Amino acid sequence: MAVMKAQQPRRAASTLPGIDEVLEKKLEELVIVLSAGQGTKSQVYDEILSLVERGLIRIALKRNKNVKSAAASYLGINRNTFQKKMTALGIPCRKTK
């Protein structure tokens, strides 16, 4: 019988030193760019959420060889939710060989 090594628990991003500050600085830069020339109602919140979701989905797809169910699991979301987000964000899925 094989002895399995215990896996180290994954640390939450917010517990990594300085990650909150780095992310906040980058978000501030994005807000400045996106809010320049805005009219009466800002769309900054929606635009940043779309950018973040689009990036996460692309990363998940790359790391999982474009297998949508594996990419969804990697992100901790349902496959159907993942597919709906891909469609809403206009992300195509190319199969890798």
PDB file of N, CA and C in Angstrom:
ATOM      1  N   MET A   1       0.843  -1.184   0.000  1.00  0.00           N
ATOM      2  CA  MET A   1       0.000   0.000   0.000  1.00  0.00           C
ATOM      3  C   MET A   1       0.882   1.240   0.000  1.00  0.00           C
ATOM      4  N   ALA A   2       0.617   2.140  -0.904  1.00  0.00           N
ATOM      5  CA  ALA A   2       1.417   3.356  -1.049  1.00  0.00           C
ATOM      6  C   ALA A   2       1.031   4.380   0.006  1.00  0.00           C
ATOM      7  N   VAL A   3       2.050   5.043   0.530  1.00  0.00           N
ATOM      8  CA  VAL A   3       1.818   6.110   1.496  1.00  0.00           C
ATOM      9  C   VAL A   3       1.731   7.423   0.731  1.00  0.00           C
ATOM     10  N   MET A   4       0.663   8.158   0.943  1.00  0.00           N
ATOM     11  CA  MET A   4       0.468   9.427   0.242  1.00  0.00           C
ATOM     12  C   MET A   4       0.939  10.571   1.120  1.00  0.00           C
ATOM     13  N   LYS A   5       1.624  11.530   0.504  1.00  0.00           N
ATOM     14  CA  LYS A   5       2.048  12.731   1.216  1.00  0.00           C
ATOM     15  C   LYS A   5       0.864  13.661   1.385  1.00  0.00           C
ATOM     16  N   ALA A   6       0.781  14.274   2.522  1.00  0.00           N
ATOM     17  CA  ALA A   6      -0.284  15.259   2.762  1.00  0.00           C
ATOM     18  C   ALA A   6       0.022  16.504   1.942  1.00  0.00           C
ATOM     19  N   GLN A   7      -0.974  17.014   1.249  1.00  0.00           N
ATOM     20  CA  GLN A   7      -0.795  18.229   0.466  1.00  0.00           C
ATOM     21  C   GLN A   7      -0.823  19.439   1.380  1.00  0.00           C
ATOM     22  N   GLN A   8       0.016  20.415   1.032  1.00  0.00           N
ATOM     23  CA  GLN A   8       0.010  21.668   1.768  1.00  0.00           C
ATOM     24  C   GLN A   8      -1.273  22.420   1.445  1.00  0.00           C
ATOM     25  N   PRO A   9      -1.934  22.989   2.443  1.00  0.00           N
ATOM     26  CA  PRO A   9      -3.145  23.764   2.147  1.00  0.00           C
ATOM     27  C   PRO A   9      -2.793  24.981   1.311  1.00  0.00           C
ATOM     28  N   ARG A  10      -3.662  25.300   0.373  1.00  0.00           N
ATOM     29  CA  ARG A  10      -3.461  26.456  -0.497  1.00  0.00           C
ATOM     30  C   ARG A  10      -3.775  27.724   0.287  1.00  0.00           C
ATOM     31  N   ARG A  11      -2.854  28.683   0.227  1.00  0.00           N
ATOM     32  CA  ARG A  11      -3.068  29.950   0.931  1.00  0.00           C
ATOM     33  C   ARG A  11      -3.968  30.853   0.118  1.00  0.00           C
ATOM     34  N   ALA A  12      -4.850  31.512   0.807  1.00  0.00           N
ATOM     35  CA  ALA A  12      -5.715  32.489   0.138  1.00  0.00           C
ATOM     36  C   ALA A  12      -4.851  33.645  -0.344  1.00  0.00           C
ATOM     37  N   ALA A  13      -5.209  34.195  -1.507  1.00  0.00           N
ATOM     38  CA  ALA A  13      -4.422  35.290  -2.079  1.00  0.00           C
ATOM     39  C   ALA A  13      -4.287  36.458  -1.119  1.00  0.00           C
ATOM     40  N   SER A  14      -5.320  36.700  -0.331  1.00  0.00           N
ATOM     41  CA  SER A  14      -5.274  37.847   0.580  1.00  0.00           C
ATOM     42  C   SER A  14      -4.287  37.635   1.724  1.00  0.00           C
ATOM     43  N   THR A  15      -3.801  36.400   1.930  1.00  0.00           N
ATOM     44  CA  THR A  15      -2.823  36.164   2.990  1.00  0.00           C
ATOM     45  C   THR A  15      -1.394  36.240   2.470  1.00  0.00           C
ATOM     46  N   LEU A  16      -1.218  36.368   1.155  1.00  0.00           N
ATOM     47  CA  LEU A  16       0.120  36.504   0.610  1.00  0.00           C
ATOM     48  C   LEU A  16       0.600  37.933   0.846  1.00  0.00           C
ATOM     49  N   PRO A  17       1.810  38.089   1.345  1.00  0.00           N
ATOM     50  CA  PRO A  17       2.311  39.432   1.671  1.00  0.00           C
ATOM     51  C   PRO A  17       2.288  40.368   0.476  1.00  0.00           C
ATOM     52  N   GLY A  18       1.640  41.510   0.647  1.00  0.00           N
ATOM     53  CA  GLY A  18       1.647  42.566  -0.348  1.00  0.00           C
ATOM     54  C   GLY A  18       0.702  42.396  -1.526  1.00  0.00           C
ATOM     55  N   ILE A  19       0.021  41.268  -1.650  1.00  0.00           N
ATOM     56  CA  ILE A  19      -0.813  41.022  -2.832  1.00  0.00           C
ATOM     57  C   ILE A  19      -1.973  42.016  -2.912  1.00  0.00           C
ATOM     58  N   ASP A  20      -2.578  42.344  -1.783  1.00  0.00           N
ATOM     59  CA  ASP A  20      -3.683  43.302  -1.779  1.00  0.00           C
ATOM     60  C   ASP A  20      -3.228  44.669  -2.281  1.00  0.00           C
ATOM     61  N   GLU A  21      -2.048  45.085  -1.831  1.00  0.00           N
ATOM     62  CA  GLU A  21      -1.536  46.395  -2.220  1.00  0.00           C
ATOM     63  C   GLU A  21      -1.216  46.432  -3.710  1.00  0.00           C
ATOM     64  N   VAL A  22      -0.594  45.365  -4.220  1.00  0.00           N
ATOM     65  CA  VAL A  22      -0.247  45.312  -5.641  1.00  0.00           C
ATOM     66  C   VAL A  22      -1.512  45.355  -6.492  1.00  0.00           C
ATOM     67  N   LEU A  23      -2.507  44.553  -6.120  1.00  0.00           N
ATOM     68  CA  LEU A  23      -3.756  44.517  -6.874  1.00  0.00           C
ATOM     69  C   LEU A  23      -4.467  45.867  -6.821  1.00  0.00           C
ATOM     70  N   GLU A  24      -4.513  46.474  -5.650  1.00  0.00           N
ATOM     71  CA  GLU A  24      -5.176  47.774  -5.523  1.00  0.00           C
ATOM     72  C   GLU A  24      -4.492  48.839  -6.376  1.00  0.00           C
ATOM     73  N   LYS A  25      -3.168  48.812  -6.432  1.00  0.00           N
ATOM     74  CA  LYS A  25      -2.429  49.780  -7.250  1.00  0.00           C
ATOM     75  C   LYS A  25      -2.769  49.598  -8.727  1.00  0.00           C
ATOM     76  N   LYS A  26      -2.806  48.359  -9.197  1.00  0.00           N
ATOM     77  CA  LYS A  26      -3.141  48.090 -10.605  1.00  0.00           C
ATOM     78  C   LYS A  26      -4.596  48.472 -10.902  1.00  0.00           C
ATOM     79  N   LEU A  27      -5.487  48.199  -9.967  1.00  0.00           N
ATOM     80  CA  LEU A  27      -6.884  48.581 -10.158  1.00  0.00           C
ATOM     81  C   LEU A  27      -7.034  50.099 -10.225  1.00  0.00           C
ATOM     82  N   GLU A  28      -6.289  50.806  -9.398  1.00  0.00           N
ATOM     83  CA  GLU A  28      -6.332  52.273  -9.421  1.00  0.00           C
ATOM     84  C   GLU A  28      -5.904  52.791 -10.788  1.00  0.00           C
ATOM     85  N   GLU A  29      -4.852  52.183 -11.365  1.00  0.00           N
ATOM     86  CA  GLU A  29      -4.396  52.577 -12.698  1.00  0.00           C
ATOM     87  C   GLU A  29      -5.485  52.312 -13.735  1.00  0.00           C
ATOM     88  N   LEU A  30      -6.157  51.168 -13.644  1.00  0.00           N
ATOM     89  CA  LEU A  30      -7.248  50.846 -14.564  1.00  0.00           C
ATOM     90  C   LEU A  30      -8.406  51.824 -14.428  1.00  0.00           C
ATOM     91  N   VAL A  31      -8.751  52.173 -13.201  1.00  0.00           N
ATOM     92  CA  VAL A  31      -9.853  53.100 -12.960  1.00  0.00           C
ATOM     93  C   VAL A  31      -9.555  54.451 -13.599  1.00  0.00           C
ATOM     94  N   ILE A  32      -8.324  54.904 -13.470  1.00  0.00           N
ATOM     95  CA  ILE A  32      -7.947  56.191 -14.067  1.00  0.00           C
ATOM     96  C   ILE A  32      -8.125  56.140 -15.581  1.00  0.00           C
ATOM     97  N   VAL A  33      -7.659  55.078 -16.202  1.00  0.00           N
ATOM     98  CA  VAL A  33      -7.760  54.951 -17.659  1.00  0.00           C
ATOM     99  C   VAL A  33      -9.215  54.816 -18.097  1.00  0.00           C
ATOM    100  N   LEU A  34      -9.971  53.950 -17.415  1.00  0.00           N
ATOM    101  CA  LEU A  34     -11.352  53.683 -17.826  1.00  0.00           C
ATOM    102  C   LEU A  34     -12.298  54.850 -17.541  1.00  0.00           C
ATOM    103  N   SER A  35     -12.013  55.636 -16.516  1.00  0.00           N
ATOM    104  CA  SER A  35     -12.929  56.721 -16.162  1.00  0.00           C
ATOM    105  C   SER A  35     -12.636  58.017 -16.911  1.00  0.00           C
ATOM    106  N   ALA A  36     -11.536  58.067 -17.636  1.00  0.00           N
ATOM    107  CA  ALA A  36     -11.200  59.276 -18.396  1.00  0.00           C
ATOM    108  C   ALA A  36     -12.259  59.522 -19.464  1.00  0.00           C
ATOM    109  N   GLY A  37     -12.845  60.696 -19.447  1.00  0.00           N
ATOM    110  CA  GLY A  37     -13.831  61.067 -20.454  1.00  0.00           C
ATOM    111  C   GLY A  37     -15.190  60.422 -20.269  1.00  0.00           C
ATOM    112  N   GLN A  38     -15.475  59.899 -19.088  1.00  0.00           N
ATOM    113  CA  GLN A  38     -16.772  59.274 -18.829  1.00  0.00           C
ATOM    114  C   GLN A  38     -17.871  60.327 -18.798  1.00  0.00           C
ATOM    115  N   GLY A  39     -19.037  59.929 -19.225  1.00  0.00           N
ATOM    116  CA  GLY A  39     -20.196  60.821 -19.196  1.00  0.00           C
ATOM    117  C   GLY A  39     -20.800  60.873 -17.811  1.00  0.00           C
ATOM    118  N   THR A  40     -22.127  60.894 -17.745  1.00  0.00           N
ATOM    119  CA  THR A  40     -22.810  61.047 -16.471  1.00  0.00           C
ATOM    120  C   THR A  40     -22.752  59.782 -15.620  1.00  0.00           C
ATOM    121  N   LYS A  41     -22.868  58.616 -16.247  1.00  0.00           N
ATOM    122  CA  LYS A  41     -22.877  57.369 -15.480  1.00  0.00           C
ATOM    123  C   LYS A  41     -21.645  56.544 -15.833  1.00  0.00           C
ATOM    124  N   SER A  42     -20.854  56.232 -14.835  1.00  0.00           N
ATOM    125  CA  SER A  42     -19.629  55.465 -15.035  1.00  0.00           C
ATOM    126  C   SER A  42     -19.933  53.978 -15.175  1.00  0.00           C
ATOM    127  N   GLN A  43     -19.197  53.323 -16.042  1.00  0.00           N
ATOM    128  CA  GLN A  43     -19.293  51.877 -16.225  1.00  0.00           C
ATOM    129  C   GLN A  43     -18.022  51.189 -15.717  1.00  0.00           C
ATOM    130  N   VAL A  44     -17.239  51.873 -14.910  1.00  0.00           N
ATOM    131  CA  VAL A  44     -15.943  51.376 -14.456  1.00  0.00           C
ATOM    132  C   VAL A  44     -16.065  50.032 -13.761  1.00  0.00           C
ATOM    133  N   TYR A  45     -17.012  49.902 -12.860  1.00  0.00           N
ATOM    134  CA  TYR A  45     -17.171  48.658 -12.105  1.00  0.00           C
ATOM    135  C   TYR A  45     -17.406  47.472 -13.036  1.00  0.00           C
ATOM    136  N   ASP A  46     -18.369  47.616 -13.941  1.00  0.00           N
ATOM    137  CA  ASP A  46     -18.688  46.539 -14.878  1.00  0.00           C
ATOM    138  C   ASP A  46     -17.513  46.233 -15.809  1.00  0.00           C
ATOM    139  N   GLU A  47     -16.820  47.263 -16.258  1.00  0.00           N
ATOM    140  CA  GLU A  47     -15.698  47.069 -17.163  1.00  0.00           C
ATOM    141  C   GLU A  47     -14.554  46.325 -16.481  1.00  0.00           C
ATOM    142  N   ILE A  48     -14.261  46.673 -15.243  1.00  0.00           N
ATOM    143  CA  ILE A  48     -13.179  45.998 -14.526  1.00  0.00           C
ATOM    144  C   ILE A  48     -13.557  44.554 -14.219  1.00  0.00           C
ATOM    145  N   LEU A  49     -14.802  44.319 -13.814  1.00  0.00           N
ATOM    146  CA  LEU A  49     -15.228  42.938 -13.575  1.00  0.00           C
ATOM    147  C   LEU A  49     -15.110  42.101 -14.842  1.00  0.00           C
ATOM    148  N   SER A  50     -15.489  42.664 -15.977  1.00  0.00           N
ATOM    149  CA  SER A  50     -15.369  41.946 -17.250  1.00  0.00           C
ATOM    150  C   SER A  50     -13.910  41.643 -17.580  1.00  0.00           C
ATOM    151  N   LEU A  51     -13.035  42.615 -17.363  1.00  0.00           N
ATOM    152  CA  LEU A  51     -11.609  42.403 -17.618  1.00  0.00           C
ATOM    153  C   LEU A  51     -11.045  41.283 -16.745  1.00  0.00           C
ATOM    154  N   VAL A  52     -11.404  41.298 -15.470  1.00  0.00           N
ATOM    155  CA  VAL A  52     -10.905  40.286 -14.539  1.00  0.00           C
ATOM    156  C   VAL A  52     -11.451  38.906 -14.904  1.00  0.00           C
ATOM    157  N   GLU A  53     -12.759  38.820 -15.166  1.00  0.00           N
ATOM    158  CA  GLU A  53     -13.350  37.532 -15.532  1.00  0.00           C
ATOM    159  C   GLU A  53     -12.745  37.003 -16.827  1.00  0.00           C
ATOM    160  N   ARG A  54     -12.588  37.872 -17.811  1.00  0.00           N
ATOM    161  CA  ARG A  54     -12.017  37.458 -19.094  1.00  0.00           C
ATOM    162  C   ARG A  54     -10.604  36.904 -18.878  1.00  0.00           C
ATOM    163  N   GLY A  55      -9.811  37.592 -18.086  1.00  0.00           N
ATOM    164  CA  GLY A  55      -8.451  37.129 -17.797  1.00  0.00           C
ATOM    165  C   GLY A  55      -8.432  35.802 -17.073  1.00  0.00           C
ATOM    166  N   LEU A  56      -9.275  35.649 -16.056  1.00  0.00           N
ATOM    167  CA  LEU A  56      -9.324  34.397 -15.304  1.00  0.00           C
ATOM    168  C   LEU A  56      -9.753  33.228 -16.180  1.00  0.00           C
ATOM    169  N   ILE A  57     -10.734  33.458 -17.037  1.00  0.00           N
ATOM    170  CA  ILE A  57     -11.214  32.390 -17.911  1.00  0.00           C
ATOM    171  C   ILE A  57     -10.120  31.982 -18.891  1.00  0.00           C
ATOM    172  N   ARG A  58      -9.429  32.940 -19.471  1.00  0.00           N
ATOM    173  CA  ARG A  58      -8.343  32.616 -20.409  1.00  0.00           C
ATOM    174  C   ARG A  58      -7.225  31.846 -19.719  1.00  0.00           C
ATOM    175  N   ILE A  59      -6.867  32.264 -18.513  1.00  0.00           N
ATOM    176  CA  ILE A  59      -5.826  31.563 -17.751  1.00  0.00           C
ATOM    177  C   ILE A  59      -6.266  30.134 -17.459  1.00  0.00           C
ATOM    178  N   ALA A  60      -7.505  29.972 -17.002  1.00  0.00           N
ATOM    179  CA  ALA A  60      -8.023  28.640 -16.678  1.00  0.00           C
ATOM    180  C   ALA A  60      -8.034  27.739 -17.912  1.00  0.00           C
ATOM    181  N   LEU A  61      -8.433  28.289 -19.055  1.00  0.00           N
ATOM    182  CA  LEU A  61      -8.443  27.505 -20.290  1.00  0.00           C
ATOM    183  C   LEU A  61      -7.028  27.086 -20.693  1.00  0.00           C
ATOM    184  N   LYS A  62      -6.074  28.001 -20.609  1.00  0.00           N
ATOM    185  CA  LYS A  62      -4.685  27.679 -20.955  1.00  0.00           C
ATOM    186  C   LYS A  62      -4.133  26.583 -20.055  1.00  0.00           C
ATOM    187  N   ARG A  63      -4.378  26.721 -18.757  1.00  0.00           N
ATOM    188  CA  ARG A  63      -3.834  25.753 -17.800  1.00  0.00           C
ATOM    189  C   ARG A  63      -4.496  24.385 -17.884  1.00  0.00           C
ATOM    190  N   ASN A  64      -5.630  24.328 -18.530  1.00  0.00           N
ATOM    191  CA  ASN A  64      -6.366  23.070 -18.628  1.00  0.00           C
ATOM    192  C   ASN A  64      -6.568  22.631 -20.076  1.00  0.00           C
ATOM    193  N   LYS A  65      -5.665  23.056 -20.954  1.00  0.00           N
ATOM    194  CA  LYS A  65      -5.656  22.648 -22.366  1.00  0.00           C
ATOM    195  C   LYS A  65      -7.005  22.832 -23.044  1.00  0.00           C
ATOM    196  N   ASN A  66      -7.669  23.935 -22.720  1.00  0.00           N
ATOM    197  CA  ASN A  66      -8.964  24.311 -23.310  1.00  0.00           C
ATOM    198  C   ASN A  66     -10.086  23.331 -23.012  1.00  0.00           C
ATOM    199  N   VAL A  67      -9.949  22.545 -21.948  1.00  0.00           N
ATOM    200  CA  VAL A  67     -11.030  21.660 -21.516  1.00  0.00           C
ATOM    201  C   VAL A  67     -11.903  22.474 -20.558  1.00  0.00           C
ATOM    202  N   LYS A  68     -13.106  22.811 -21.030  1.00  0.00           N
ATOM    203  CA  LYS A  68     -13.966  23.729 -20.277  1.00  0.00           C
ATOM    204  C   LYS A  68     -14.354  23.203 -18.901  1.00  0.00           C
ATOM    205  N   SER A  69     -14.677  21.922 -18.793  1.00  0.00           N
ATOM    206  CA  SER A  69     -15.081  21.383 -17.487  1.00  0.00           C
ATOM    207  C   SER A  69     -13.920  21.447 -16.498  1.00  0.00           C
ATOM    208  N   ALA A  70     -12.703  21.170 -16.960  1.00  0.00           N
ATOM    209  CA  ALA A  70     -11.526  21.244 -16.090  1.00  0.00           C
ATOM    210  C   ALA A  70     -11.226  22.702 -15.721  1.00  0.00           C
ATOM    211  N   ALA A  71     -11.386  23.610 -16.695  1.00  0.00           N
ATOM    212  CA  ALA A  71     -11.145  25.027 -16.431  1.00  0.00           C
ATOM    213  C   ALA A  71     -12.146  25.571 -15.415  1.00  0.00           C
ATOM    214  N   ALA A  72     -13.406  25.158 -15.555  1.00  0.00           N
ATOM    215  CA  ALA A  72     -14.438  25.581 -14.604  1.00  0.00           C
ATOM    216  C   ALA A  72     -14.115  25.073 -13.207  1.00  0.00           C
ATOM    217  N   SER A  73     -13.721  23.820 -13.124  1.00  0.00           N
ATOM    218  CA  SER A  73     -13.354  23.233 -11.830  1.00  0.00           C
ATOM    219  C   SER A  73     -12.159  23.962 -11.221  1.00  0.00           C
ATOM    220  N   TYR A  74     -11.184  24.311 -12.056  1.00  0.00           N
ATOM    221  CA  TYR A  74     -10.002  25.055 -11.620  1.00  0.00           C
ATOM    222  C   TYR A  74     -10.399  26.375 -10.958  1.00  0.00           C
ATOM    223  N   LEU A  75     -11.428  27.027 -11.519  1.00  0.00           N
ATOM    224  CA  LEU A  75     -11.901  28.294 -10.966  1.00  0.00           C
ATOM    225  C   LEU A  75     -12.908  28.111  -9.836  1.00  0.00           C
ATOM    226  N   GLY A  76     -13.378  26.880  -9.657  1.00  0.00           N
ATOM    227  CA  GLY A  76     -14.347  26.617  -8.588  1.00  0.00           C
ATOM    228  C   GLY A  76     -15.760  27.026  -8.938  1.00  0.00           C
ATOM    229  N   ILE A  77     -16.080  27.006 -10.249  1.00  0.00           N
ATOM    230  CA  ILE A  77     -17.435  27.344 -10.666  1.00  0.00           C
ATOM    231  C   ILE A  77     -18.021  26.203 -11.496  1.00  0.00           C
ATOM    232  N   ASN A  78     -19.320  26.205 -11.652  1.00  0.00           N
ATOM    233  CA  ASN A  78     -20.032  25.206 -12.424  1.00  0.00           C
ATOM    234  C   ASN A  78     -19.696  25.331 -13.907  1.00  0.00           C
ATOM    235  N   ARG A  79     -19.656  24.204 -14.614  1.00  0.00           N
ATOM    236  CA  ARG A  79     -19.332  24.204 -16.043  1.00  0.00           C
ATOM    237  C   ARG A  79     -20.316  25.047 -16.849  1.00  0.00           C
ATOM    238  N   ASN A  80     -21.607  24.964 -16.514  1.00  0.00           N
ATOM    239  CA  ASN A  80     -22.603  25.757 -17.239  1.00  0.00           C
ATOM    240  C   ASN A  80     -22.401  27.255 -17.003  1.00  0.00           C
ATOM    241  N   THR A  81     -22.078  27.635 -15.781  1.00  0.00           N
ATOM    242  CA  THR A  81     -21.781  29.036 -15.474  1.00  0.00           C
ATOM    243  C   THR A  81     -20.562  29.491 -16.255  1.00  0.00           C
ATOM    244  N   PHE A  82     -19.554  28.634 -16.302  1.00  0.00           N
ATOM    245  CA  PHE A  82     -18.331  28.933 -17.048  1.00  0.00           C
ATOM    246  C   PHE A  82     -18.650  29.179 -18.520  1.00  0.00           C
ATOM    247  N   GLN A  83     -19.457  28.304 -19.103  1.00  0.00           N
ATOM    248  CA  GLN A  83     -19.838  28.432 -20.514  1.00  0.00           C
ATOM    249  C   GLN A  83     -20.627  29.722 -20.758  1.00  0.00           C
ATOM    250  N   LYS A  84     -21.556  30.050 -19.854  1.00  0.00           N
ATOM    251  CA  LYS A  84     -22.340  31.284 -20.002  1.00  0.00           C
ATOM    252  C   LYS A  84     -21.440  32.515 -19.942  1.00  0.00           C
ATOM    253  N   LYS A  85     -20.459  32.496 -19.036  1.00  0.00           N
ATOM    254  CA  LYS A  85     -19.536  33.624 -18.917  1.00  0.00           C
ATOM    255  C   LYS A  85     -18.679  33.742 -20.175  1.00  0.00           C
ATOM    256  N   MET A  86     -18.229  32.607 -20.718  1.00  0.00           N
ATOM    257  CA  MET A  86     -17.454  32.627 -21.958  1.00  0.00           C
ATOM    258  C   MET A  86     -18.255  33.272 -23.082  1.00  0.00           C
ATOM    259  N   THR A  87     -19.514  32.869 -23.202  1.00  0.00           N
ATOM    260  CA  THR A  87     -20.382  33.407 -24.249  1.00  0.00           C
ATOM    261  C   THR A  87     -20.611  34.905 -24.038  1.00  0.00           C
ATOM    262  N   ALA A  88     -20.940  35.293 -22.806  1.00  0.00           N
ATOM    263  CA  ALA A  88     -21.214  36.702 -22.507  1.00  0.00           C
ATOM    264  C   ALA A  88     -19.998  37.592 -22.739  1.00  0.00           C
ATOM    265  N   LEU A  89     -18.795  37.047 -22.480  1.00  0.00           N
ATOM    266  CA  LEU A  89     -17.570  37.818 -22.632  1.00  0.00           C
ATOM    267  C   LEU A  89     -16.940  37.680 -24.019  1.00  0.00           C
ATOM    268  N   GLY A  90     -17.576  36.870 -24.878  1.00  0.00           N
ATOM    269  CA  GLY A  90     -17.077  36.699 -26.241  1.00  0.00           C
ATOM    270  C   GLY A  90     -15.773  35.946 -26.340  1.00  0.00           C
ATOM    271  N   ILE A  91     -15.596  34.967 -25.469  1.00  0.00           N
ATOM    272  CA  ILE A  91     -14.345  34.191 -25.464  1.00  0.00           C
ATOM    273  C   ILE A  91     -14.572  32.888 -26.222  1.00  0.00           C
ATOM    274  N   PRO A  92     -13.846  32.703 -27.335  1.00  0.00           N
ATOM    275  CA  PRO A  92     -13.959  31.429 -28.053  1.00  0.00           C
ATOM    276  C   PRO A  92     -13.107  30.374 -27.365  1.00  0.00           C
ATOM    277  N   CYS A  93     -13.460  29.131 -27.546  1.00  0.00           N
ATOM    278  CA  CYS A  93     -12.664  28.041 -26.976  1.00  0.00           C
ATOM    279  C   CYS A  93     -12.121  27.208 -28.119  1.00  0.00           C
ATOM    280  N   ARG A  94     -10.825  27.228 -28.253  1.00  0.00           N
ATOM    281  CA  ARG A  94     -10.171  26.434 -29.304  1.00  0.00           C
ATOM    282  C   ARG A  94      -9.638  25.159 -28.680  1.00  0.00           C
ATOM    283  N   LYS A  95      -9.968  24.044 -29.279  1.00  0.00           N
ATOM    284  CA  LYS A  95      -9.464  22.752 -28.795  1.00  0.00           C
ATOM    285  C   LYS A  95      -7.989  22.635 -29.166  1.00  0.00           C
ATOM    286  N   THR A  96      -7.186  22.136 -28.218  1.00  0.00           N
ATOM    287  CA  THR A  96      -5.784  21.882 -28.514  1.00  0.00           C
ATOM    288  C   THR A  96      -5.606  20.403 -28.764  1.00  0.00           C
ATOM    289  N   LYS A  97      -4.633  20.091 -29.591  1.00  0.00           N
ATOM    290  CA  LYS A  97      -4.398  18.681 -29.923  1.00  0.00           C
ATOM    291  C   LYS A  97      -3.146  18.183 -29.277  1.00  0.00           C
TER     292      LYS A  97
END
